[in-house]
Amino acid sequence: MCAMALGLHTARSARVDRDGLWDAAMVTVLSAFALTRALLVVENLRTFLKYPALVLELPSLTRPGELLTAAIALIYLRHRRLPLLNVLDAIAPCIALLWASLNLGMVADGTREGMLTSVPWAVPSPFGRVHPVEIYSAVGGLLLCGALLWILRRARTPGETCAWGLVLSGLLIFFMQFFRLPGVLYSNSLLEGAEVRGLEFMVGGGLLLAWREAASQPTMPGRKDLNDAV
């Protein structure tokens, strides 16, 4: 709710209709909840018929659910005629704030996924004293939110804030993996799944940033335009 409230502020800077952005956020949240739960039930139908409450309590935000939610959000944005790049600029700081809040929630529920360490600020876990990587991520998310708000006020072209958000969040995700327990202790893969996603964010943001930077450059007049000017 705080992230959605922040969107009412960023919508003005991104030149997006505030009511339209709020409605789009509500549609996205409800779609994410309904679609991911529906996929969870379909994939575990037999278990759901026997133990429905147990299945519905499982984590369900998966890549297919994210893709379906994104498709619904794009359809709704097109229906409301909201400019996509401007909307992405407006929600970039909000997503950073949401990410920080989720990590604070992990701190509250006792999640400890850090690597073993002897630093003075280490926290206890079943494996010993570990890095408080959830606090690191929460602080990083808050700093990212502030940086994107600053960029949004100074952006020259639509999509620039979103591009920087992808680049900076990708760096943050990749960097945090050095303090987090690996998902698979014994693997031949050089990179973790989160590290791959961080690289994807950085590459995607870099390409978007290059495109928007090129779009902001003045174009050279053609021969006909020069003749008309003469």
Protein backbone atom coordinates (compact mmCIF):
# COMPACT_ATOMS: atom_id res chain seq x y z
CA MET A 1 0.00 0.00 0.00
CA CYS A 2 2.90 2.38 0.68
CA ALA A 3 4.32 1.58 -2.76
CA MET A 4 0.97 2.30 -4.40
CA ALA A 5 0.66 5.55 -2.44
CA LEU A 6 4.13 6.53 -3.64
CA GLY A 7 2.88 5.89 -7.17
CA LEU A 8 0.41 8.76 -6.79
CA HIS A 9 3.43 11.03 -6.31
CA THR A 10 5.62 9.55 -9.05
CA ALA A 11 2.72 9.59 -11.54
CA ARG A 12 2.85 13.37 -11.60
CA SER A 13 6.59 13.41 -12.33
CA ALA A 14 6.21 10.74 -15.01
CA ARG A 15 3.22 12.54 -16.59
CA VAL A 16 0.79 9.65 -16.03
CA ASP A 17 -2.86 9.82 -15.00
CA ARG A 18 -2.88 9.13 -11.25
CA ASP A 19 -6.24 7.36 -11.18
CA GLY A 20 -5.27 5.22 -14.14
CA LEU A 21 -1.99 4.22 -12.51
CA TRP A 22 -3.72 3.34 -9.23
CA ASP A 23 -6.30 1.21 -11.06
CA ALA A 24 -3.55 -0.51 -13.06
CA ALA A 25 -1.68 -1.31 -9.84
CA MET A 26 -4.80 -2.83 -8.29
CA VAL A 27 -5.46 -4.93 -11.40
CA THR A 28 -1.84 -6.15 -11.39
CA VAL A 29 -1.87 -7.10 -7.70
CA LEU A 30 -5.19 -8.95 -7.93
CA SER A 31 -4.11 -10.68 -11.15
CA ALA A 32 -0.83 -11.79 -9.59
CA PHE A 33 -2.67 -13.26 -6.60
CA ALA A 34 -5.42 -14.98 -8.61
CA LEU A 35 -3.30 -16.26 -11.51
CA THR A 36 -0.43 -17.62 -9.44
CA ARG A 37 -2.86 -19.41 -7.11
CA ALA A 38 -4.76 -20.83 -10.09
CA LEU A 39 -1.51 -22.16 -11.59
CA LEU A 40 -0.57 -23.66 -8.24
CA VAL A 41 -3.89 -25.48 -8.03
CA VAL A 42 -3.67 -26.74 -11.63
CA GLU A 43 -0.12 -28.03 -11.17
CA ASN A 44 -1.04 -29.80 -7.90
CA LEU A 45 -4.67 -30.70 -8.58
CA ARG A 46 -4.69 -34.10 -6.91
CA THR A 47 -3.04 -32.79 -3.77
CA PHE A 48 -5.36 -29.76 -3.78
CA LEU A 49 -8.45 -31.97 -3.84
CA LYS A 50 -7.22 -33.76 -0.71
CA TYR A 51 -5.51 -30.89 1.15
CA PRO A 52 -6.74 -27.57 -0.29
CA ALA A 53 -5.58 -25.39 2.59
CA LEU A 54 -2.09 -26.89 2.52
CA VAL A 55 -1.66 -26.21 -1.20
CA LEU A 56 -2.95 -22.64 -0.96
CA GLU A 57 -0.39 -21.88 1.77
CA LEU A 58 2.53 -22.74 -0.53
CA PRO A 59 4.60 -19.92 -2.14
CA SER A 60 3.23 -19.47 -5.64
CA LEU A 61 4.92 -16.51 -7.35
CA THR A 62 6.57 -18.33 -10.25
CA ARG A 63 7.93 -17.23 -13.65
CA PRO A 64 4.78 -18.38 -15.57
CA GLY A 65 2.60 -16.52 -13.08
CA GLU A 66 4.74 -13.40 -13.48
CA LEU A 67 4.46 -13.59 -17.28
CA LEU A 68 0.67 -14.00 -17.17
CA THR A 69 0.37 -11.10 -14.73
CA ALA A 70 2.53 -8.92 -16.99
CA ALA A 71 0.30 -9.80 -19.97
CA ILE A 72 -2.85 -8.79 -18.05
CA ALA A 73 -1.19 -5.54 -16.94
CA LEU A 74 -0.17 -4.68 -20.53
CA ILE A 75 -3.69 -5.36 -21.80
CA TYR A 76 -5.14 -3.10 -19.09
CA LEU A 77 -2.64 -0.31 -19.82
CA ARG A 78 -3.57 -0.47 -23.50
CA HIS A 79 -7.26 -0.39 -22.58
CA ARG A 80 -6.75 2.71 -20.44
CA ARG A 81 -4.41 4.24 -23.07
CA LEU A 82 -1.63 4.77 -20.55
CA PRO A 83 1.85 5.24 -22.09
CA LEU A 84 3.93 2.17 -21.22
CA LEU A 85 7.33 3.85 -20.77
CA ASN A 86 5.86 6.59 -18.58
CA VAL A 87 4.10 3.99 -16.45
CA LEU A 88 7.33 2.01 -16.06
CA ASP A 89 9.11 5.20 -14.96
CA ALA A 90 6.40 5.91 -12.39
CA ILE A 91 6.43 2.43 -10.86
CA ALA A 92 10.22 1.93 -10.76
CA PRO A 93 10.71 3.68 -7.36
CA CYS A 94 7.57 1.96 -6.06
CA ILE A 95 8.93 -1.50 -6.88
CA ALA A 96 12.18 -0.62 -5.09
CA LEU A 97 10.17 0.38 -2.00
CA LEU A 98 8.15 -2.83 -2.22
CA TRP A 99 11.36 -4.87 -2.46
CA ALA A 100 12.72 -3.16 0.67
CA SER A 101 9.46 -3.88 2.52
CA LEU A 102 9.51 -7.56 1.54
CA ASN A 103 13.03 -7.92 2.90
CA LEU A 104 12.01 -6.23 6.15
CA GLY A 105 9.21 -8.79 6.35
CA MET A 106 11.80 -11.56 6.00
CA VAL A 107 13.74 -10.04 8.89
CA ALA A 108 10.57 -10.02 11.00
CA ASP A 109 9.66 -13.65 10.26
CA GLY A 110 13.16 -14.90 11.06
CA THR A 111 14.45 -15.69 7.58
CA ARG A 112 18.25 -16.04 7.66
CA GLU A 113 19.77 -16.77 4.25
CA GLY A 114 23.19 -15.13 4.71
CA MET A 115 26.61 -16.73 4.43
CA LEU A 116 28.53 -17.68 7.57
CA THR A 117 30.61 -14.78 8.86
CA SER A 118 32.41 -13.45 11.92
CA VAL A 119 31.58 -9.75 11.41
CA PRO A 120 30.31 -7.98 14.57
CA TRP A 121 26.84 -7.41 13.11
CA ALA A 122 26.27 -11.06 12.20
CA VAL A 123 22.93 -12.59 13.27
CA PRO A 124 22.30 -16.09 14.67
CA SER A 125 20.83 -18.81 12.44
CA PRO A 126 20.55 -22.63 12.49
CA PHE A 127 23.88 -22.71 10.60
CA GLY A 128 25.70 -20.34 12.93
CA ARG A 129 26.24 -16.58 12.74
CA VAL A 130 25.51 -15.27 9.25
CA HIS A 131 25.37 -12.03 7.27
CA PRO A 132 22.02 -10.22 7.77
CA VAL A 133 21.54 -10.22 4.01
CA GLU A 134 17.84 -9.40 4.37
CA ILE A 135 18.76 -6.14 6.11
CA TYR A 136 21.38 -5.45 3.44
CA SER A 137 18.73 -5.91 0.75
CA ALA A 138 16.18 -3.75 2.59
CA VAL A 139 18.67 -0.89 2.93
CA GLY A 140 19.69 -1.34 -0.70
CA GLY A 141 16.04 -1.21 -1.78
CA LEU A 142 15.45 2.03 0.14
CA LEU A 143 18.58 3.62 -1.34
CA LEU A 144 17.50 2.47 -4.80
CA CYS A 145 14.06 4.00 -4.27
CA GLY A 146 15.62 7.35 -3.33
CA ALA A 147 18.01 7.23 -6.31
CA LEU A 148 15.18 6.50 -8.75
CA LEU A 149 13.07 9.33 -7.34
CA TRP A 150 16.02 11.66 -7.97
CA ILE A 151 16.49 10.30 -11.52
CA LEU A 152 12.76 10.56 -12.26
CA ARG A 153 12.73 14.30 -11.52
CA ARG A 154 15.66 14.85 -13.89
CA ALA A 155 14.92 12.34 -16.66
CA ARG A 156 14.87 13.74 -20.19
CA THR A 157 13.00 10.97 -22.02
CA PRO A 158 10.32 8.40 -21.07
CA GLY A 159 11.85 5.08 -20.09
CA GLU A 160 15.08 6.54 -18.68
CA THR A 161 14.12 6.01 -15.03
CA CYS A 162 12.98 2.45 -15.73
CA ALA A 163 16.26 1.71 -17.53
CA TRP A 164 18.33 2.95 -14.59
CA GLY A 165 16.09 0.96 -12.26
CA LEU A 166 16.85 -2.25 -14.15
CA VAL A 167 20.59 -1.55 -14.20
CA LEU A 168 20.87 -0.60 -10.53
CA SER A 169 18.57 -3.36 -9.26
CA GLY A 170 20.48 -5.90 -11.36
CA LEU A 171 23.73 -4.74 -9.77
CA LEU A 172 22.17 -4.96 -6.31
CA ILE A 173 20.77 -8.47 -6.91
CA PHE A 174 24.10 -9.69 -8.30
CA PHE A 175 26.12 -8.11 -5.49
CA MET A 176 23.87 -9.50 -2.73
CA GLN A 177 24.48 -13.06 -3.89
CA PHE A 178 28.03 -12.82 -2.52
CA PHE A 179 26.51 -12.59 0.99
CA ARG A 180 23.68 -15.11 0.51
CA LEU A 181 23.72 -18.88 0.91
CA PRO A 182 23.80 -20.60 -2.50
CA GLY A 183 20.55 -22.19 -3.59
CA VAL A 184 22.41 -25.37 -4.56
CA LEU A 185 25.46 -26.28 -2.49
CA TYR A 186 27.01 -28.57 -5.10
CA SER A 187 26.52 -27.44 -8.68
CA ASN A 188 28.54 -27.23 -11.88
CA SER A 189 26.84 -23.96 -12.85
CA LEU A 190 29.01 -20.86 -12.69
CA LEU A 191 26.10 -18.59 -11.76
CA GLU A 192 23.10 -18.84 -9.44
CA GLY A 193 19.60 -18.22 -10.73
CA ALA A 194 19.46 -14.85 -8.96
CA GLU A 195 22.81 -13.86 -10.48
CA VAL A 196 21.51 -14.71 -13.95
CA ARG A 197 18.41 -12.59 -13.32
CA GLY A 198 20.60 -9.73 -12.12
CA LEU A 199 22.62 -9.92 -15.34
CA GLU A 200 19.39 -10.01 -17.37
CA PHE A 201 18.21 -6.85 -15.62
CA MET A 202 21.52 -5.08 -16.26
CA VAL A 203 21.62 -6.02 -19.96
CA GLY A 204 17.95 -5.14 -20.49
CA GLY A 205 18.34 -1.83 -18.66
CA GLY A 206 21.51 -1.01 -20.59
CA LEU A 207 19.80 -1.64 -23.94
CA LEU A 208 16.78 0.44 -22.91
CA LEU A 209 19.04 3.24 -21.69
CA ALA A 210 21.00 3.25 -24.96
CA TRP A 211 17.76 3.36 -26.96
CA ARG A 212 16.31 6.23 -24.96
CA GLU A 213 19.62 8.11 -25.08
CA ALA A 214 19.63 7.78 -28.86
CA ALA A 215 16.01 8.96 -28.99
CA SER A 216 16.92 12.10 -27.04
CA GLN A 217 19.64 13.14 -29.49
CA PRO A 218 18.67 15.71 -32.14
CA THR A 219 18.47 14.25 -35.64
CA MET A 220 20.47 15.69 -38.51
CA PRO A 221 18.32 17.43 -41.14
CA GLY A 222 18.04 15.70 -44.49
CA ARG A 223 18.98 17.21 -47.89
CA LYS A 224 15.41 18.37 -48.51
CA ASP A 225 15.27 20.08 -45.12
CA LEU A 226 18.56 21.88 -45.84
CA ASN A 227 17.29 23.06 -49.22
CA ASP A 228 14.09 24.32 -47.63
CA ALA A 229 16.12 26.15 -44.99
CA VAL A 230 18.26 27.80 -47.69
